[in-house]
N, C-alpha and C. Protein backbone atom coordinates (compact mmCIF):
# COMPACT_ATOMS: atom_id res chain seq x y z
N MET A 1 36.43 51.91 123.61
CA MET A 1 37.90 51.89 123.71
C MET A 1 38.58 53.01 123.12
N ASN A 2 38.12 54.11 123.18
CA ASN A 2 38.71 55.34 122.56
C ASN A 2 39.52 55.92 123.55
N LYS A 3 40.91 55.87 123.09
CA LYS A 3 41.91 56.28 123.99
C LYS A 3 42.26 57.87 123.58
N LYS A 4 42.23 58.69 124.65
CA LYS A 4 42.41 59.82 124.32
C LYS A 4 43.95 60.23 124.31
N LYS A 5 44.38 61.00 123.24
CA LYS A 5 45.87 61.39 123.20
C LYS A 5 46.21 62.56 123.97
N ASN A 6 47.39 62.51 124.54
CA ASN A 6 47.66 63.67 125.53
C ASN A 6 48.10 64.65 124.50
N CYS A 7 47.80 65.97 124.96
CA CYS A 7 48.08 67.07 124.21
C CYS A 7 49.54 67.42 124.29
N LEU A 8 50.13 67.14 125.23
CA LEU A 8 51.52 67.46 125.38
C LEU A 8 52.42 66.09 125.19
N PRO A 9 53.21 66.07 124.32
CA PRO A 9 54.11 64.81 124.01
C PRO A 9 54.99 64.68 125.28
N LEU A 10 55.40 63.70 125.60
CA LEU A 10 56.28 63.23 126.87
C LEU A 10 57.58 63.93 126.47
N LYS A 11 58.12 63.92 125.42
CA LYS A 11 59.42 64.52 124.93
C LYS A 11 59.21 65.73 124.14
N SER A 12 59.47 66.96 124.54
CA SER A 12 59.31 68.04 123.78
C SER A 12 60.40 68.27 122.78
N LYS A 13 60.07 68.94 121.70
CA LYS A 13 61.02 69.09 120.55
C LYS A 13 61.85 70.47 120.95
N GLY A 14 63.11 70.46 120.60
CA GLY A 14 63.67 71.70 120.86
C GLY A 14 65.15 71.47 121.51
N PHE A 15 65.93 72.37 121.90
CA PHE A 15 67.05 72.19 122.54
C PHE A 15 67.02 72.63 123.89
N THR A 16 67.61 71.92 124.68
CA THR A 16 67.87 72.26 126.24
C THR A 16 68.78 73.29 126.33
N LEU A 17 68.98 73.99 127.41
CA LEU A 17 69.78 74.94 127.75
C LEU A 17 71.18 74.23 127.71
N LEU A 18 71.59 73.16 128.33
CA LEU A 18 72.65 72.56 128.21
C LEU A 18 73.39 72.34 126.83
N GLU A 19 72.41 71.79 126.03
CA GLU A 19 72.85 71.75 124.54
C GLU A 19 73.27 72.94 123.87
N SER A 20 72.27 74.05 124.22
CA SER A 20 72.80 75.24 123.53
C SER A 20 74.05 75.80 123.93
N VAL A 21 74.39 75.56 125.26
CA VAL A 21 75.62 76.04 125.65
C VAL A 21 76.92 75.33 125.22
N VAL A 22 76.62 74.01 125.13
CA VAL A 22 77.66 73.23 124.61
C VAL A 22 77.92 73.53 123.03
N GLY A 23 76.86 73.70 122.42
CA GLY A 23 76.88 74.19 120.87
C GLY A 23 77.67 75.49 120.69
N MET A 24 77.30 76.44 121.59
CA MET A 24 77.97 77.65 121.59
C MET A 24 79.41 77.70 121.79
N ALA A 25 79.79 76.69 122.96
CA ALA A 25 81.19 76.72 123.17
C ALA A 25 82.00 76.02 121.92
N ILE A 26 81.46 75.14 121.31
CA ILE A 26 82.00 74.46 120.05
C ILE A 26 82.27 75.37 119.07
N VAL A 27 81.24 76.20 118.71
CA VAL A 27 81.15 77.20 117.68
C VAL A 27 82.40 78.41 118.09
N GLY A 28 82.48 78.66 119.50
CA GLY A 28 83.49 79.56 119.86
C GLY A 28 84.77 79.06 119.75
N ILE A 29 85.14 77.85 120.05
CA ILE A 29 86.38 77.30 119.92
C ILE A 29 86.78 77.29 118.48
N VAL A 30 86.00 76.80 117.62
CA VAL A 30 86.20 76.75 116.16
C VAL A 30 86.56 78.31 115.69
N LEU A 31 85.71 79.15 115.96
CA LEU A 31 86.06 80.53 115.63
C LEU A 31 87.37 81.13 116.19
N LEU A 32 87.80 80.70 117.26
CA LEU A 32 89.14 81.22 117.81
C LEU A 32 90.16 80.55 117.26
N GLY A 33 90.01 79.28 116.84
CA GLY A 33 91.09 78.57 115.95
C GLY A 33 91.23 79.34 114.57
N LEU A 34 90.16 79.75 114.05
CA LEU A 34 90.10 80.30 112.58
C LEU A 34 90.81 81.71 112.79
N ALA A 35 90.46 82.50 114.05
CA ALA A 35 91.07 83.67 114.06
C ALA A 35 92.77 83.74 114.24
N GLN A 36 93.02 82.66 114.99
CA GLN A 36 94.70 82.40 115.13
C GLN A 36 95.00 82.20 113.74
N LEU A 37 94.38 81.45 112.87
CA LEU A 37 94.93 81.04 111.66
C LEU A 37 95.00 82.21 110.65
N PHE A 38 93.96 83.11 110.81
CA PHE A 38 93.99 84.32 109.98
C PHE A 38 95.27 85.12 110.42
N THR A 39 95.38 85.31 111.71
CA THR A 39 96.60 86.18 112.28
C THR A 39 97.88 85.65 111.89
N LEU A 40 98.04 84.35 111.82
CA LEU A 40 99.36 83.56 111.31
C LEU A 40 99.31 83.92 109.94
N GLY A 41 98.33 83.86 109.09
CA GLY A 41 98.48 84.02 107.52
C GLY A 41 98.99 85.41 107.29
N VAL A 42 98.50 86.44 108.10
CA VAL A 42 98.85 87.90 107.84
C VAL A 42 100.28 88.13 108.16
N MET A 43 100.66 87.49 109.38
CA MET A 43 102.01 87.63 109.74
C MET A 43 103.07 87.07 108.74
N ASN A 44 102.80 85.85 108.14
CA ASN A 44 103.57 85.21 107.03
C ASN A 44 103.54 86.03 105.91
N ASN A 45 102.44 86.54 105.41
CA ASN A 45 102.43 87.55 104.44
C ASN A 45 103.32 88.64 104.42
N MET A 46 103.37 89.40 105.68
CA MET A 46 104.11 90.50 105.90
C MET A 46 105.52 90.10 105.91
N ARG A 47 105.99 88.96 106.48
CA ARG A 47 107.32 88.48 106.46
C ARG A 47 107.80 88.15 104.90
N SER A 48 107.09 87.40 104.14
CA SER A 48 107.39 87.14 102.95
C SER A 48 107.56 88.46 102.08
N ASP A 49 106.73 89.52 102.35
CA ASP A 49 106.68 90.76 101.49
C ASP A 49 108.04 91.43 101.85
N ARG A 50 108.52 91.47 103.06
CA ARG A 50 109.84 91.93 103.40
C ARG A 50 110.85 91.10 102.87
N ILE A 51 110.93 89.92 102.80
CA ILE A 51 111.97 89.04 102.22
C ILE A 51 111.92 89.42 100.68
N THR A 52 110.77 89.36 100.19
CA THR A 52 110.75 89.68 98.61
C THR A 52 111.36 91.13 98.25
N ASN A 53 111.03 92.07 98.94
CA ASN A 53 111.48 93.44 98.86
C ASN A 53 113.00 93.49 99.20
N ALA A 54 113.52 92.86 100.09
CA ALA A 54 114.96 92.70 100.32
C ALA A 54 115.76 91.89 99.32
N THR A 55 115.04 90.93 98.61
CA THR A 55 115.75 90.19 97.47
C THR A 55 115.88 91.02 96.42
N PHE A 56 114.66 91.77 96.10
CA PHE A 56 114.72 92.58 94.92
C PHE A 56 115.65 93.80 95.14
N LEU A 57 115.93 94.25 96.23
CA LEU A 57 116.93 95.40 96.46
C LEU A 57 118.42 95.00 96.22
N ALA A 58 118.55 93.61 96.56
CA ALA A 58 119.85 92.92 96.36
C ALA A 58 120.05 92.72 94.90
N GLN A 59 119.13 92.28 94.25
CA GLN A 59 119.29 91.88 92.83
C GLN A 59 119.44 93.22 91.95
N GLN A 60 118.72 94.38 92.37
CA GLN A 60 118.87 95.60 91.79
C GLN A 60 120.34 96.14 92.00
N GLN A 61 120.86 95.99 93.08
CA GLN A 61 122.31 96.39 93.27
C GLN A 61 123.19 95.48 92.29
N VAL A 62 123.03 94.29 92.22
CA VAL A 62 123.89 93.32 91.49
C VAL A 62 123.71 93.89 90.02
N ASP A 63 122.43 94.07 89.46
CA ASP A 63 122.31 94.60 88.14
C ASP A 63 123.05 96.03 88.02
N PHE A 64 122.90 96.99 88.88
CA PHE A 64 123.69 98.18 88.77
C PHE A 64 125.11 98.04 88.68
N LEU A 65 125.71 97.08 89.49
CA LEU A 65 127.13 96.91 89.47
C LEU A 65 127.75 96.31 88.10
N ARG A 66 126.90 95.43 87.74
CA ARG A 66 127.11 94.70 86.25
C ARG A 66 127.28 95.72 85.13
N ASN A 67 126.61 96.87 85.31
CA ASN A 67 126.65 97.89 84.23
C ASN A 67 127.75 98.74 84.54
N LEU A 68 128.55 98.92 85.51
CA LEU A 68 129.58 99.74 85.67
C LEU A 68 131.00 99.10 84.95
N THR A 69 131.86 100.23 84.62
CA THR A 69 133.12 99.86 84.05
C THR A 69 134.31 99.32 85.07
N ALA A 70 135.19 98.86 84.51
CA ALA A 70 136.26 98.35 85.44
C ALA A 70 136.93 99.50 86.41
N SER A 71 137.03 100.63 85.94
CA SER A 71 137.53 101.76 86.68
C SER A 71 136.39 102.05 87.82
N GLU A 72 135.27 101.97 87.62
CA GLU A 72 134.11 102.37 88.40
C GLU A 72 134.04 101.41 89.55
N LEU A 73 134.30 99.92 89.10
CA LEU A 73 134.22 98.93 90.13
C LEU A 73 135.38 99.10 91.05
N ASN A 74 136.68 99.41 90.40
CA ASN A 74 137.80 99.66 91.33
C ASN A 74 137.56 100.72 92.33
N THR A 75 136.93 101.71 91.98
CA THR A 75 136.59 102.85 93.06
C THR A 75 135.70 102.35 93.94
N LEU A 76 134.66 101.54 93.62
CA LEU A 76 133.76 100.98 94.71
C LEU A 76 134.45 100.02 95.55
N ALA A 77 135.66 99.22 94.94
CA ALA A 77 136.32 98.24 95.86
C ALA A 77 137.01 99.07 96.99
N ALA A 78 137.25 100.24 96.83
CA ALA A 78 138.01 100.87 97.94
C ALA A 78 137.05 101.29 99.19
N GLN A 79 135.86 101.14 98.98
CA GLN A 79 134.84 101.45 100.12
C GLN A 79 133.93 100.39 100.22
N THR A 80 133.00 100.60 101.42
CA THR A 80 131.82 99.73 101.53
C THR A 80 130.69 100.62 101.26
N LEU A 81 129.78 100.44 100.59
CA LEU A 81 128.54 101.05 100.36
C LEU A 81 127.61 100.72 101.40
N ASP A 82 127.16 101.86 102.27
CA ASP A 82 126.02 101.49 103.17
C ASP A 82 124.94 102.44 102.84
N GLU A 83 123.73 102.00 102.52
CA GLU A 83 122.63 102.80 102.00
C GLU A 83 121.40 102.47 103.02
N LEU A 84 120.65 103.52 103.23
CA LEU A 84 119.35 103.39 103.89
C LEU A 84 118.36 103.66 102.67
N ILE A 85 117.34 102.53 102.69
CA ILE A 85 116.46 102.58 101.56
C ILE A 85 115.01 102.93 102.02
N ASP A 86 114.31 103.86 101.48
CA ASP A 86 112.67 103.96 101.69
C ASP A 86 112.02 103.38 100.54
N VAL A 87 111.46 102.19 100.51
CA VAL A 87 111.10 101.44 99.72
C VAL A 87 109.66 102.10 98.94
N ASN A 88 108.75 102.80 100.09
CA ASN A 88 107.43 102.99 99.54
C ASN A 88 107.27 104.46 99.71
N ASN A 89 108.55 105.32 99.58
CA ASN A 89 108.64 106.85 99.67
C ASN A 89 107.58 107.41 100.75
N ASP A 90 107.57 106.84 101.94
CA ASP A 90 106.75 107.48 102.97
C ASP A 90 107.58 108.32 104.04
N GLY A 91 108.95 108.55 103.81
CA GLY A 91 109.55 109.22 104.54
C GLY A 91 110.40 108.20 105.87
N THR A 92 110.15 107.12 105.68
CA THR A 92 110.58 106.11 106.73
C THR A 92 111.54 105.19 106.15
N CYS A 93 112.75 104.95 106.83
CA CYS A 93 113.63 104.05 106.29
C CYS A 93 113.20 102.56 106.38
N ASP A 94 113.19 101.90 105.34
CA ASP A 94 112.66 100.37 105.46
C ASP A 94 113.81 99.41 105.56
N PHE A 95 114.89 99.61 104.74
CA PHE A 95 115.83 98.59 104.72
C PHE A 95 117.26 99.25 104.73
N ARG A 96 118.21 98.52 105.04
CA ARG A 96 119.67 98.80 105.07
C ARG A 96 120.31 98.04 104.01
N ARG A 97 121.00 98.61 103.27
CA ARG A 97 121.54 97.78 102.03
C ARG A 97 123.06 97.96 102.20
N ILE A 98 124.05 96.99 102.45
CA ILE A 98 125.40 97.08 102.49
C ILE A 98 126.13 96.35 101.32
N THR A 99 126.79 96.92 100.58
CA THR A 99 127.47 96.39 99.42
C THR A 99 128.95 96.47 99.55
N ARG A 100 129.65 95.31 99.39
CA ARG A 100 131.03 95.25 99.30
C ARG A 100 131.60 94.69 98.06
N VAL A 101 132.67 95.37 97.70
CA VAL A 101 133.17 94.97 96.37
C VAL A 101 134.62 94.76 96.61
N HIS A 102 135.19 93.29 96.31
CA HIS A 102 136.55 93.20 96.35
C HIS A 102 137.35 92.86 95.12
N SER A 103 138.34 93.59 94.75
CA SER A 103 138.92 93.42 93.44
C SER A 103 139.92 92.27 93.43
N SER A 104 139.84 91.36 92.38
CA SER A 104 140.86 90.26 92.23
C SER A 104 141.34 90.35 90.83
N GLY A 105 142.02 91.30 90.44
CA GLY A 105 142.36 91.49 89.13
C GLY A 105 141.25 91.82 88.11
N PHE A 106 141.05 90.82 87.38
CA PHE A 106 139.99 91.19 86.32
C PHE A 106 138.60 90.62 86.84
N TYR A 107 138.49 90.20 88.06
CA TYR A 107 137.43 89.81 88.60
C TYR A 107 136.98 90.63 89.84
N TRP A 108 135.90 90.92 90.29
CA TRP A 108 135.43 91.62 91.50
C TRP A 108 134.30 90.74 92.11
N ASP A 109 134.60 90.36 93.46
CA ASP A 109 133.66 89.68 94.30
C ASP A 109 132.74 90.56 94.84
N VAL A 110 131.46 90.50 94.83
CA VAL A 110 130.44 91.32 95.20
C VAL A 110 129.68 90.51 96.24
N ASN A 111 129.58 91.23 97.62
CA ASN A 111 128.74 90.61 98.50
C ASN A 111 127.66 91.83 98.95
N ILE A 112 126.30 91.32 98.81
CA ILE A 112 125.31 92.39 99.28
C ILE A 112 124.56 91.82 100.45
N LEU A 113 124.47 92.50 101.45
CA LEU A 113 123.55 92.28 102.54
C LEU A 113 122.42 93.35 102.67
N VAL A 114 121.15 92.89 102.79
CA VAL A 114 119.91 93.65 103.03
C VAL A 114 119.44 93.30 104.47
N LEU A 115 119.37 94.28 105.29
CA LEU A 115 118.80 94.24 106.63
C LEU A 115 117.55 95.11 106.81
N THR A 116 116.76 94.75 107.86
CA THR A 116 115.56 95.73 108.04
C THR A 116 116.28 97.06 108.62
N ALA A 117 115.25 97.91 108.87
CA ALA A 117 115.68 99.21 109.17
C ALA A 117 115.96 99.26 110.64
N ALA A 118 115.83 98.19 111.38
CA ALA A 118 115.97 98.34 112.74
C ALA A 118 117.50 98.09 113.03
N TYR A 119 118.29 97.74 112.05
CA TYR A 119 119.68 97.91 112.23
C TYR A 119 120.46 99.10 111.62
N LYS A 120 119.75 100.11 111.56
CA LYS A 120 120.17 101.23 110.67
C LYS A 120 121.32 102.02 111.63
N GLY A 121 121.08 101.83 112.94
CA GLY A 121 122.09 102.48 113.75
C GLY A 121 123.36 101.76 114.27
N MET A 122 123.24 100.39 113.84
CA MET A 122 124.52 99.56 114.15
C MET A 122 125.56 99.94 113.40
N ASN A 123 126.77 99.79 114.10
CA ASN A 123 128.05 99.96 113.46
C ASN A 123 128.38 98.99 112.47
N LEU A 124 128.88 99.50 111.35
CA LEU A 124 129.16 98.73 110.27
C LEU A 124 130.23 97.58 110.70
N ALA A 125 131.04 97.94 111.44
CA ALA A 125 132.34 96.92 111.93
C ALA A 125 131.79 95.91 112.71
N ASP A 126 130.44 96.07 113.25
CA ASP A 126 129.94 94.92 114.09
C ASP A 126 129.17 94.07 113.23
N ILE A 127 128.52 94.56 112.15
CA ILE A 127 127.67 93.76 111.37
C ILE A 127 128.45 92.96 110.42
N LEU A 128 129.42 93.46 109.78
CA LEU A 128 130.16 92.68 108.62
C LEU A 128 130.86 91.42 109.18
N PRO A 129 131.51 91.36 110.20
CA PRO A 129 132.01 90.13 110.36
C PRO A 129 131.10 89.00 111.14
N ASN A 130 130.05 89.61 111.57
CA ASN A 130 129.09 88.73 112.34
C ASN A 130 127.65 88.93 111.60
N SER A 131 127.60 88.86 110.13
CA SER A 131 126.25 89.00 109.70
C SER A 131 125.29 87.96 110.09
N ASP A 132 125.73 86.69 110.41
CA ASP A 132 124.91 85.63 110.79
C ASP A 132 124.17 86.05 112.13
N ASN A 133 124.56 86.89 112.91
CA ASN A 133 123.88 87.24 114.18
C ASN A 133 122.77 88.18 113.95
N TYR A 134 122.90 88.71 112.88
CA TYR A 134 121.73 89.72 112.50
C TYR A 134 120.55 89.19 111.52
N LYS A 135 119.44 89.69 111.68
CA LYS A 135 118.40 89.17 110.72
C LYS A 135 118.64 89.65 109.44
N VAL A 136 119.47 89.09 108.63
CA VAL A 136 119.64 89.58 107.27
C VAL A 136 118.39 88.98 106.37
N LYS A 137 117.90 89.97 105.75
CA LYS A 137 116.56 89.58 104.80
C LYS A 137 116.89 89.03 103.55
N ALA A 138 118.16 89.50 102.92
CA ALA A 138 118.63 88.94 101.87
C ALA A 138 120.24 89.09 101.77
N GLN A 139 120.88 88.03 101.08
CA GLN A 139 122.24 88.12 101.01
C GLN A 139 122.62 87.53 99.60
N MET A 140 123.15 88.44 98.72
CA MET A 140 123.61 87.85 97.38
C MET A 140 125.12 88.02 97.28
N CYS A 141 125.72 87.06 96.63
CA CYS A 141 127.19 87.09 96.27
C CYS A 141 127.34 86.64 94.87
N THR A 142 128.24 87.45 94.32
CA THR A 142 128.24 87.14 92.76
C THR A 142 129.79 87.63 92.31
N ILE A 143 130.18 87.44 91.21
CA ILE A 143 131.44 87.69 90.63
C ILE A 143 131.15 88.39 89.48
N ILE A 144 131.80 89.50 89.16
CA ILE A 144 131.69 90.28 87.95
C ILE A 144 133.03 90.30 87.43
N SER A 145 133.14 90.18 86.13
CA SER A 145 134.51 90.03 85.37
C SER A 145 134.30 91.08 84.27
N ARG A 146 135.42 91.52 83.80
CA ARG A 146 135.65 92.50 82.73
C ARG A 146 136.73 91.94 81.81
């Protein structure tokens, strides 16, 4: 009663073609999702970098204005400062900074808008009354007294 064992098992070990295709499809879907997350992360980092630079430029202008004398502030109150700023010195304008100073006796109301360079050709008279319609990256308002 010696039974001979079959050389080939009934169920072979390994993956079938269908299992391999399904596995590759799952891995592909996961990698596609990770690529989209990576792209979204890079875009958010670039956006936050622009906002950080714009906020720094607005704060820098406030610090500059706080160091001026009353007569210098009165001189600035007569005009609107409109500057094109190249942050990284590559010869390309990165931001547009608009500074308005209004005199109120011994107080000066300061309003600073920082926009991207995409608005460098826009007319100032269009931007100032409707600044909410433009993509303002930073806006600072403060009061300076002497």
